[in-house]
Amino acid sequence: MIITRFAPSPTGHLHIGGARTALFSYLYAKHCKGKFFLRMEDTDQERSKPEFAESIIQDLKWLGIVWDNDVIPYQSQRLTIYQKYLDELKENNFAYEKEGAYFLKGHEALEDFIIFKSSGMPTFHFAVVIDDHEMGVNTIIRGVDHLTNTDKHRHLYKCLGLPIPEYYHIPLIVDENSKPLSKRRNDSNMDYYRENHFFPEAVFNYFARLGWGYQNQEIFSKEELIELFDVKKTSKNPARFDPRKLSWVNIQYLKIASPDKIKIYGYQNINMLIKLSEKENTKKLLLNELQQKAISLQELNDMCRPFIDNKELDTTLFNEYGEFISAIIPDVIELVKNIASWSIDEINTDVHKFMDEKSLGMKEMAMPLRVILTGQKKSLDLNSILFYLGKDEVIDRLNRAKEFV
């Protein structure tokens, strides 16, 4: 059985490089019908903090990565286990003491290296090998920056007479300019995506594509990724992180998100429209159309406002269209009053007939009316705005617009 793991150091928040490693390890384990374990490597006692460990755990849960071990091991709680293996190395003359620390003897191509500090704490190299063996980990996925470590770890396995796991080294993540992705960037840490209300499925989807792909497909469900992902088919080239592409993927998930999925984020206008949509099918159609137009939950929330509240209509843009309001609004009011059947098709027919009569193009007609009726330059198409607001509300807003000229 394939057993993988993710073993972060709780010395800071979860970086997207670590999140991608966890995701690849999780996907490969599940693809192989194996298990995925989580542990905390806190041998750096000065920098390791409980709040960072908890933040990492919450980020992984948010992302949808579920580990199979009930108890998460912390290296600081396993010192007696490490001591047992150190004693074995000493007894077999593979390790020696120097100035209070312990070193593992190397070979012609590998210098001696420290495995136990004088403080009594194991080094990363020692603890990671012992932990992986004790947990039954037989497949290790990590970045290419660990290649030099792998030689040390293989040697330690041999000295202890333990089976050596399979190692897969995945490409590092670089920024838009092909430079190493800085940890100082706000969007290089996972908490950025939680705080900015990205859909976790979108982030999961995008990170899975950082160094791996399947044909030209961009959007995958988690089930598809588990079925298709193979660590052996990851790229050898650095994976380029593109925030715009990630935002595009997030938009695709926004388009298909269910009301139940959206309302957990607590946006007032969205949730009010969702509540109305539970009683009115037209409002359900409106919400879906707005989802196709918006590029973020915040924008969706803003776009919902004019359809649920006419008291907070933003009139600051009205002055841009004062001439249009004075010249054409009275005729538009009559147009609206005379639309016999309030349907998209009927509205479309009558609006186009009106534009032909007035020699107006859609741009000349749509933008001013969009601003007058919604207070926004970005919203639905004109016919949809008219339809969803309803005849009486449209007439009321057109009449009020005349007061601002």
Protein backbone atom coordinates (compact mmCIF):
# COMPACT_ATOMS: atom_id res chain seq x y z
CA MET A 1 0.00 0.00 0.00
CA ILE A 2 1.26 3.46 -0.91
CA ILE A 3 1.63 5.67 2.18
CA THR A 4 2.56 9.34 1.74
CA ARG A 5 2.84 12.18 4.21
CA PHE A 6 3.08 15.91 4.63
CA ALA A 7 5.36 17.10 7.41
CA PRO A 8 5.44 20.89 7.72
CA SER A 9 7.46 22.84 10.26
CA PRO A 10 5.15 25.07 12.34
CA THR A 11 7.52 28.04 12.15
CA GLY A 12 5.16 30.17 10.05
CA HIS A 13 1.98 30.09 8.04
CA LEU A 14 1.48 27.51 5.30
CA HIS A 15 3.20 28.62 2.09
CA ILE A 16 1.62 27.67 -1.22
CA GLY A 17 4.69 25.56 -2.01
CA GLY A 18 3.98 23.46 1.05
CA ALA A 19 0.26 23.35 0.28
CA ARG A 20 1.04 22.09 -3.24
CA THR A 21 3.34 19.38 -1.78
CA ALA A 22 0.58 18.31 0.62
CA LEU A 23 -1.93 18.27 -2.21
CA PHE A 24 0.30 16.16 -4.50
CA SER A 25 1.01 13.73 -1.64
CA TYR A 26 -2.69 13.48 -0.82
CA LEU A 27 -3.76 13.02 -4.45
CA TYR A 28 -1.16 10.35 -5.17
CA ALA A 29 -2.05 8.37 -2.05
CA LYS A 30 -5.74 8.45 -2.90
CA HIS A 31 -5.04 7.67 -6.57
CA CYS A 32 -3.20 4.53 -5.43
CA LYS A 33 -5.90 3.63 -2.88
CA GLY A 34 -3.31 4.28 -0.17
CA LYS A 35 -3.06 6.48 2.89
CA PHE A 36 -1.94 10.04 3.53
CA PHE A 37 -0.53 11.10 6.93
CA LEU A 38 0.13 14.47 8.55
CA ARG A 39 2.75 15.25 11.20
CA MET A 40 4.45 18.35 12.59
CA GLU A 41 8.23 18.72 12.44
CA ASP A 42 8.87 21.00 15.41
CA THR A 43 12.48 20.22 16.23
CA ASP A 44 13.20 23.95 15.80
CA GLN A 45 11.88 24.75 19.25
CA GLU A 46 12.76 28.45 19.13
CA ARG A 47 10.70 29.19 16.01
CA SER A 48 7.95 26.56 16.26
CA LYS A 49 4.68 27.96 17.60
CA PRO A 50 1.39 26.20 18.46
CA GLU A 51 -0.55 28.92 16.64
CA PHE A 52 1.35 28.19 13.43
CA ALA A 53 0.60 24.47 13.74
CA GLU A 54 -3.09 25.23 14.23
CA SER A 55 -3.07 27.63 11.27
CA ILE A 56 -1.50 24.95 9.03
CA ILE A 57 -4.08 22.39 10.16
CA GLN A 58 -6.96 24.79 9.45
CA ASP A 59 -5.54 25.70 6.01
CA LEU A 60 -5.28 22.04 5.03
CA LYS A 61 -8.83 21.36 6.23
CA TRP A 62 -10.08 24.40 4.33
CA LEU A 63 -8.33 23.21 1.20
CA GLY A 64 -10.04 19.83 1.45
CA ILE A 65 -6.97 17.74 2.29
CA VAL A 66 -7.94 15.04 4.78
CA TRP A 67 -5.30 12.95 6.55
CA ASP A 68 -5.77 9.34 7.65
CA ASN A 69 -4.02 9.41 11.03
CA ASP A 70 -6.23 10.17 14.03
CA VAL A 71 -3.39 11.69 16.06
CA ILE A 72 -0.95 14.17 14.51
CA PRO A 73 2.60 13.33 15.74
CA TYR A 74 4.82 16.19 16.94
CA GLN A 75 8.54 15.49 16.86
CA SER A 76 9.08 17.26 20.19
CA GLN A 77 6.97 14.54 21.82
CA ARG A 78 8.94 11.63 20.33
CA LEU A 79 12.40 12.13 21.84
CA THR A 80 12.55 8.67 23.46
CA ILE A 81 11.93 7.09 20.04
CA TYR A 82 14.79 9.06 18.48
CA GLN A 83 17.10 8.18 21.37
CA LYS A 84 16.51 4.47 20.75
CA TYR A 85 17.66 4.76 17.13
CA LEU A 86 20.60 6.98 18.08
CA ASP A 87 21.75 4.34 20.59
CA GLU A 88 21.57 1.72 17.84
CA LEU A 89 23.76 3.83 15.55
CA LYS A 90 26.28 4.39 18.35
CA GLU A 91 26.40 0.69 19.18
CA ASN A 92 27.06 -0.19 15.53
CA ASN A 93 29.77 2.47 15.27
CA PHE A 94 27.86 4.55 12.67
CA ALA A 95 27.56 7.61 14.93
CA TYR A 96 30.04 9.45 17.12
CA GLU A 97 29.92 12.28 19.63
CA LYS A 98 31.66 15.63 19.12
CA GLU A 99 31.27 18.61 21.47
CA GLY A 100 28.01 17.27 22.84
CA ALA A 101 26.43 16.65 19.43
CA TYR A 102 26.23 13.41 17.47
CA PHE A 103 27.32 12.94 13.87
CA LEU A 104 26.61 10.18 11.38
CA LYS A 105 29.64 8.88 9.53
CA GLY A 106 29.42 9.51 5.82
CA HIS A 107 31.21 7.82 2.95
CA GLU A 108 33.54 8.80 0.12
CA ALA A 109 30.83 10.93 -1.56
CA LEU A 110 29.12 12.19 1.60
CA GLU A 111 30.62 14.11 4.48
CA ASP A 112 29.78 13.31 8.10
CA PHE A 113 26.68 15.22 9.18
CA ILE A 114 25.04 16.08 12.48
CA ILE A 115 22.02 14.02 13.53
CA PHE A 116 21.59 15.06 17.17
CA LYS A 117 22.22 18.54 18.53
CA SER A 118 24.04 19.25 21.78
CA SER A 119 20.67 20.48 23.11
CA GLY A 120 19.40 16.91 22.99
CA MET A 121 17.09 17.53 20.03
CA PRO A 122 17.38 15.51 16.80
CA THR A 123 18.13 17.34 13.58
CA PHE A 124 15.67 17.44 10.70
CA HIS A 125 17.66 14.79 8.84
CA PHE A 126 17.48 12.30 11.68
CA ALA A 127 13.92 12.88 12.86
CA VAL A 128 12.39 12.80 9.37
CA VAL A 129 13.90 9.39 8.60
CA ILE A 130 12.84 7.87 11.91
CA ASP A 131 9.34 9.34 11.68
CA ASP A 132 8.80 8.15 8.13
CA HIS A 133 9.89 4.65 9.08
CA GLU A 134 7.80 4.56 12.25
CA MET A 135 4.71 5.78 10.38
CA GLY A 136 5.19 3.30 7.55
CA VAL A 137 5.71 6.02 4.94
CA ASN A 138 7.06 4.44 1.77
CA THR A 139 6.54 7.24 -0.76
CA ILE A 140 7.91 10.75 -0.22
CA ILE A 141 6.95 13.67 -2.43
CA ARG A 142 8.81 16.93 -1.92
CA GLY A 143 10.45 19.80 -3.78
CA VAL A 144 13.63 19.53 -5.81
CA ASP A 145 15.30 21.73 -3.20
CA HIS A 146 15.42 18.58 -1.05
CA LEU A 147 17.52 16.62 -3.54
CA THR A 148 20.73 17.13 -1.57
CA ASN A 149 18.97 15.99 1.60
CA THR A 150 17.86 12.76 -0.03
CA ASP A 151 21.43 11.41 -0.21
CA LYS A 152 21.80 11.90 3.55
CA HIS A 153 18.45 10.28 4.24
CA ARG A 154 19.18 7.24 2.07
CA HIS A 155 22.49 6.79 3.84
CA LEU A 156 20.82 6.95 7.26
CA TYR A 157 18.25 4.35 6.20
CA LYS A 158 21.09 2.05 5.12
CA CYS A 159 22.98 2.52 8.38
CA LEU A 160 19.85 1.56 10.33
CA GLY A 161 19.08 -1.35 8.00
CA LEU A 162 15.65 0.08 7.14
CA PRO A 163 13.78 -0.09 3.81
CA ILE A 164 14.32 3.05 1.73
CA PRO A 165 11.16 4.85 0.52
CA GLU A 166 10.51 5.96 -3.04
CA TYR A 167 11.38 9.64 -3.50
CA TYR A 168 9.73 11.97 -5.99
CA HIS A 169 11.03 15.51 -6.30
CA ILE A 170 8.57 17.99 -7.78
CA PRO A 171 9.45 21.29 -9.46
CA LEU A 172 9.65 24.46 -7.42
CA ILE A 173 7.10 27.23 -7.85
CA VAL A 174 8.30 30.48 -9.43
CA ASP A 175 6.60 33.84 -9.84
CA GLU A 176 5.39 35.61 -12.97
CA ASN A 177 8.98 36.59 -13.79
CA SER A 178 10.33 33.07 -13.31
CA LYS A 179 11.99 34.09 -10.04
CA PRO A 180 11.64 32.07 -6.81
CA LEU A 181 8.26 32.84 -5.25
CA SER A 182 8.89 35.21 -2.37
CA LYS A 183 7.41 34.29 1.00
CA ARG A 184 6.91 38.01 1.62
CA ARG A 185 4.12 38.20 -0.94
CA ASN A 186 0.69 38.27 0.66
CA ASP A 187 -0.65 35.77 -1.85
CA SER A 188 2.15 33.28 -1.19
CA ASN A 189 0.50 32.10 2.03
CA MET A 190 -2.65 30.05 2.28
CA ASP A 191 -4.38 32.30 4.80
CA TYR A 192 -4.59 34.96 2.06
CA TYR A 193 -7.02 32.80 0.09
CA ARG A 194 -9.16 31.98 3.09
CA GLU A 195 -9.35 35.62 4.16
CA ASN A 196 -10.17 36.82 0.63
CA HIS A 197 -12.96 34.26 0.22
CA PHE A 198 -11.57 32.20 -2.62
CA PHE A 199 -13.42 28.95 -3.15
CA PRO A 200 -11.25 26.18 -1.66
CA GLU A 201 -12.16 23.90 -4.58
CA ALA A 202 -10.76 26.51 -6.98
CA VAL A 203 -7.47 26.78 -5.08
CA PHE A 204 -7.27 22.96 -4.86
CA ASN A 205 -7.87 22.76 -8.62
CA TYR A 206 -5.28 25.42 -9.48
CA PHE A 207 -2.56 24.08 -7.18
CA ALA A 208 -3.01 20.60 -8.67
CA ARG A 209 -2.08 22.13 -12.03
CA LEU A 210 1.17 23.66 -10.73
CA GLY A 211 3.57 21.15 -12.23
CA TRP A 212 1.03 18.60 -13.44
CA GLY A 213 -1.58 18.54 -16.17
CA TYR A 214 -3.92 16.34 -18.11
CA GLN A 215 -4.29 17.14 -21.79
CA ASN A 216 -5.64 20.70 -22.06
CA GLN A 217 -8.18 20.40 -19.28
CA GLU A 218 -8.25 23.28 -16.79
CA ILE A 219 -11.16 22.55 -14.44
CA PHE A 220 -11.27 19.32 -12.46
CA SER A 221 -13.41 17.99 -9.65
CA LYS A 222 -11.55 16.48 -6.70
CA GLU A 223 -12.73 13.03 -7.82
CA GLU A 224 -11.29 13.61 -11.29
CA LEU A 225 -7.96 14.71 -9.87
CA ILE A 226 -7.74 11.64 -7.66
CA GLU A 227 -8.49 9.43 -10.65
CA LEU A 228 -6.04 11.13 -13.03
CA PHE A 229 -3.15 12.38 -10.88
CA ASP A 230 0.16 10.56 -11.12
CA VAL A 231 3.26 12.02 -9.47
CA LYS A 232 5.39 10.21 -12.04
CA LYS A 233 3.91 12.52 -14.69
CA THR A 234 4.76 15.82 -13.01
CA SER A 235 6.80 18.32 -15.00
CA LYS A 236 10.55 18.66 -14.60
CA ASN A 237 10.35 22.41 -15.22
CA PRO A 238 9.56 25.03 -12.56
CA ALA A 239 5.84 25.64 -12.06
CA ARG A 240 4.86 29.24 -12.81
CA PHE A 241 2.44 30.78 -10.34
CA ASP A 242 -0.03 33.07 -12.11
CA PRO A 243 -2.45 34.94 -9.80
CA ARG A 244 -4.60 35.95 -12.79
CA LYS A 245 -5.04 32.33 -13.79
CA LEU A 246 -5.95 31.40 -10.23
CA SER A 247 -8.55 34.19 -10.20
CA TRP A 248 -9.92 32.87 -13.50
CA VAL A 249 -10.27 29.39 -12.02
CA ASN A 250 -12.01 30.89 -8.99
CA ILE A 251 -14.46 32.68 -11.30
CA GLN A 252 -15.35 29.37 -12.95
CA TYR A 253 -16.27 27.97 -9.53
CA LEU A 254 -18.26 31.10 -8.70
CA LYS A 255 -20.34 30.57 -11.83
CA ILE A 256 -21.46 27.10 -10.72
CA ALA A 257 -21.55 27.58 -6.94
CA SER A 258 -24.82 26.60 -5.28
CA PRO A 259 -26.67 29.09 -3.06
CA ASP A 260 -25.77 26.96 -0.04
CA LYS A 261 -22.10 27.20 -0.97
CA ILE A 262 -22.23 30.97 -1.44
CA LYS A 263 -24.21 31.95 1.62
CA ILE A 264 -21.68 30.55 4.10
CA TYR A 265 -19.47 33.57 3.33
CA GLY A 266 -22.01 35.88 4.95
CA TYR A 267 -22.39 38.59 2.31
CA GLN A 268 -25.53 40.52 3.19
CA ASN A 269 -26.91 41.34 -0.26
CA ILE A 270 -26.15 37.89 -1.66
CA ASN A 271 -27.81 36.17 1.26
CA MET A 272 -30.85 38.43 1.01
CA LEU A 273 -31.23 37.56 -2.66
CA ILE A 274 -30.77 33.86 -1.87
CA LYS A 275 -33.54 34.12 0.72
CA LEU A 276 -35.84 35.75 -1.85
CA SER A 277 -34.90 33.13 -4.45
CA GLU A 278 -36.21 30.39 -2.18
CA LYS A 279 -39.71 31.81 -2.71
CA GLU A 280 -39.44 33.33 -6.19
CA ASN A 281 -38.05 31.41 -9.15
CA THR A 282 -37.33 34.69 -10.95
CA LYS A 283 -34.93 35.69 -8.18
CA LYS A 284 -33.22 32.31 -8.54
CA LEU A 285 -32.69 33.02 -12.24
CA LEU A 286 -31.42 36.51 -11.38
CA LEU A 287 -28.86 35.16 -8.92
CA ASN A 288 -27.59 32.69 -11.48
CA GLU A 289 -27.21 35.42 -14.12
CA LEU A 290 -25.34 37.64 -11.69
CA GLN A 291 -23.00 34.75 -10.85
CA GLN A 292 -22.13 34.44 -14.54
CA LYS A 293 -21.19 38.12 -14.63
CA ALA A 294 -19.32 38.66 -11.34
CA ILE A 295 -15.61 37.98 -10.91
CA SER A 296 -15.61 37.71 -7.10
CA LEU A 297 -18.01 37.24 -4.21
CA GLN A 298 -17.55 40.90 -3.24
CA GLU A 299 -18.50 42.02 -6.74
CA LEU A 300 -21.46 39.64 -6.75
CA ASN A 301 -22.57 41.16 -3.45
CA ASP A 302 -22.33 44.66 -4.95
CA MET A 303 -24.21 43.61 -8.08
CA CYS A 304 -27.03 42.11 -6.00
CA ARG A 305 -27.73 45.35 -4.15
CA PRO A 306 -29.78 47.21 -6.81
CA PHE A 307 -32.13 44.24 -7.16
CA ILE A 308 -33.02 44.01 -3.49
CA ASP A 309 -32.78 47.59 -2.23
CA ASN A 310 -33.84 50.74 -4.09
CA LYS A 311 -33.17 53.05 -1.14
CA GLU A 312 -29.38 52.84 -1.35
CA LEU A 313 -29.14 53.29 -5.10
CA ASP A 314 -25.86 55.02 -5.93
CA THR A 315 -26.64 58.23 -7.81
CA THR A 316 -23.09 59.57 -8.03
CA LEU A 317 -22.78 58.54 -11.68
CA PHE A 318 -26.00 60.20 -12.78
CA ASN A 319 -24.30 63.50 -13.62
CA GLU A 320 -22.36 61.82 -16.40
CA TYR A 321 -25.62 61.17 -18.20
CA GLY A 322 -27.58 64.37 -17.42
CA GLU A 323 -28.08 65.19 -21.07
CA PHE A 324 -29.40 61.71 -21.84
CA ILE A 325 -31.74 61.82 -18.84
CA SER A 326 -33.19 65.17 -19.88
CA ALA A 327 -33.59 64.24 -23.53
CA ILE A 328 -34.76 60.65 -23.49
CA ILE A 329 -36.00 59.48 -20.09
CA PRO A 330 -39.60 60.70 -20.60
CA ASP A 331 -39.77 58.66 -23.81
CA VAL A 332 -38.20 55.63 -22.10
CA ILE A 333 -40.86 55.83 -19.41
CA GLU A 334 -43.54 55.69 -22.07
CA LEU A 335 -41.75 52.80 -23.75
CA VAL A 336 -41.76 50.82 -20.51
CA LYS A 337 -45.39 51.61 -19.77
CA ASN A 338 -46.42 50.30 -23.19
CA ILE A 339 -44.62 46.95 -23.03
CA ALA A 340 -47.63 44.65 -23.01
CA SER A 341 -46.08 41.37 -21.85
CA TRP A 342 -43.26 41.71 -19.31
CA SER A 343 -40.94 39.03 -20.69
CA ILE A 344 -37.36 39.11 -21.89
CA ASP A 345 -38.43 38.54 -25.50
CA GLU A 346 -41.07 41.26 -25.46
CA ILE A 347 -38.76 43.72 -23.72
CA ASN A 348 -35.99 42.97 -26.23
CA THR A 349 -38.31 43.52 -29.20
CA ASP A 350 -39.73 46.81 -27.92
CA VAL A 351 -36.36 48.20 -26.78
CA HIS A 352 -34.77 47.54 -30.17
CA LYS A 353 -37.74 49.07 -31.95
CA PHE A 354 -37.37 52.15 -29.73
CA MET A 355 -33.63 52.43 -30.49
CA ASP A 356 -34.30 52.22 -34.20
CA GLU A 357 -36.87 55.00 -33.95
CA LYS A 358 -34.47 57.21 -31.98
CA SER A 359 -31.41 56.22 -34.04
CA LEU A 360 -29.66 55.04 -30.88
CA GLY A 361 -27.06 52.31 -30.68
CA MET A 362 -27.07 49.75 -27.84
CA LYS A 363 -24.04 51.38 -26.22
CA GLU A 364 -25.70 54.80 -26.26
CA MET A 365 -28.86 53.36 -24.75
CA ALA A 366 -27.61 50.63 -22.43
CA MET A 367 -24.90 52.29 -20.35
CA PRO A 368 -26.91 55.36 -19.27
CA LEU A 369 -29.94 53.22 -18.41
CA ARG A 370 -27.78 50.67 -16.59
CA VAL A 371 -26.38 53.46 -14.40
CA ILE A 372 -29.80 55.03 -13.85
CA LEU A 373 -31.48 51.76 -12.93
CA THR A 374 -28.68 50.12 -10.88
CA GLY A 375 -26.26 52.90 -9.96
CA GLN A 376 -23.51 50.74 -11.46
CA LYS A 377 -21.62 50.58 -14.74
CA LYS A 378 -21.20 46.82 -14.47
CA SER A 379 -24.36 44.77 -14.24
CA LEU A 380 -26.52 42.56 -16.43
CA ASP A 381 -27.53 43.42 -19.97
CA LEU A 382 -30.22 46.09 -20.26
CA ASN A 383 -33.08 43.74 -21.10
CA SER A 384 -32.32 41.55 -18.09
CA ILE A 385 -32.11 44.57 -15.78
CA LEU A 386 -35.54 45.73 -16.93
CA PHE A 387 -37.03 42.27 -16.60
CA TYR A 388 -35.71 41.50 -13.11
CA LEU A 389 -36.52 44.91 -11.66
CA GLY A 390 -40.09 44.74 -12.91
CA LYS A 391 -42.14 47.36 -14.71
CA ASP A 392 -43.27 49.39 -11.69
CA GLU A 393 -39.80 49.57 -10.16
CA VAL A 394 -38.24 50.56 -13.51
CA ILE A 395 -40.74 53.40 -13.96
CA ASP A 396 -40.18 54.55 -10.38
CA ARG A 397 -36.40 54.66 -10.81
CA LEU A 398 -36.65 56.46 -14.15
CA ASN A 399 -38.88 59.11 -12.60
CA ARG A 400 -36.47 59.57 -9.70
CA ALA A 401 -33.58 59.96 -12.13
CA LYS A 402 -35.23 63.06 -13.60
CA GLU A 403 -34.91 64.74 -10.18
CA PHE A 404 -31.10 64.64 -10.39
CA VAL A 405 -30.88 66.71 -13.58
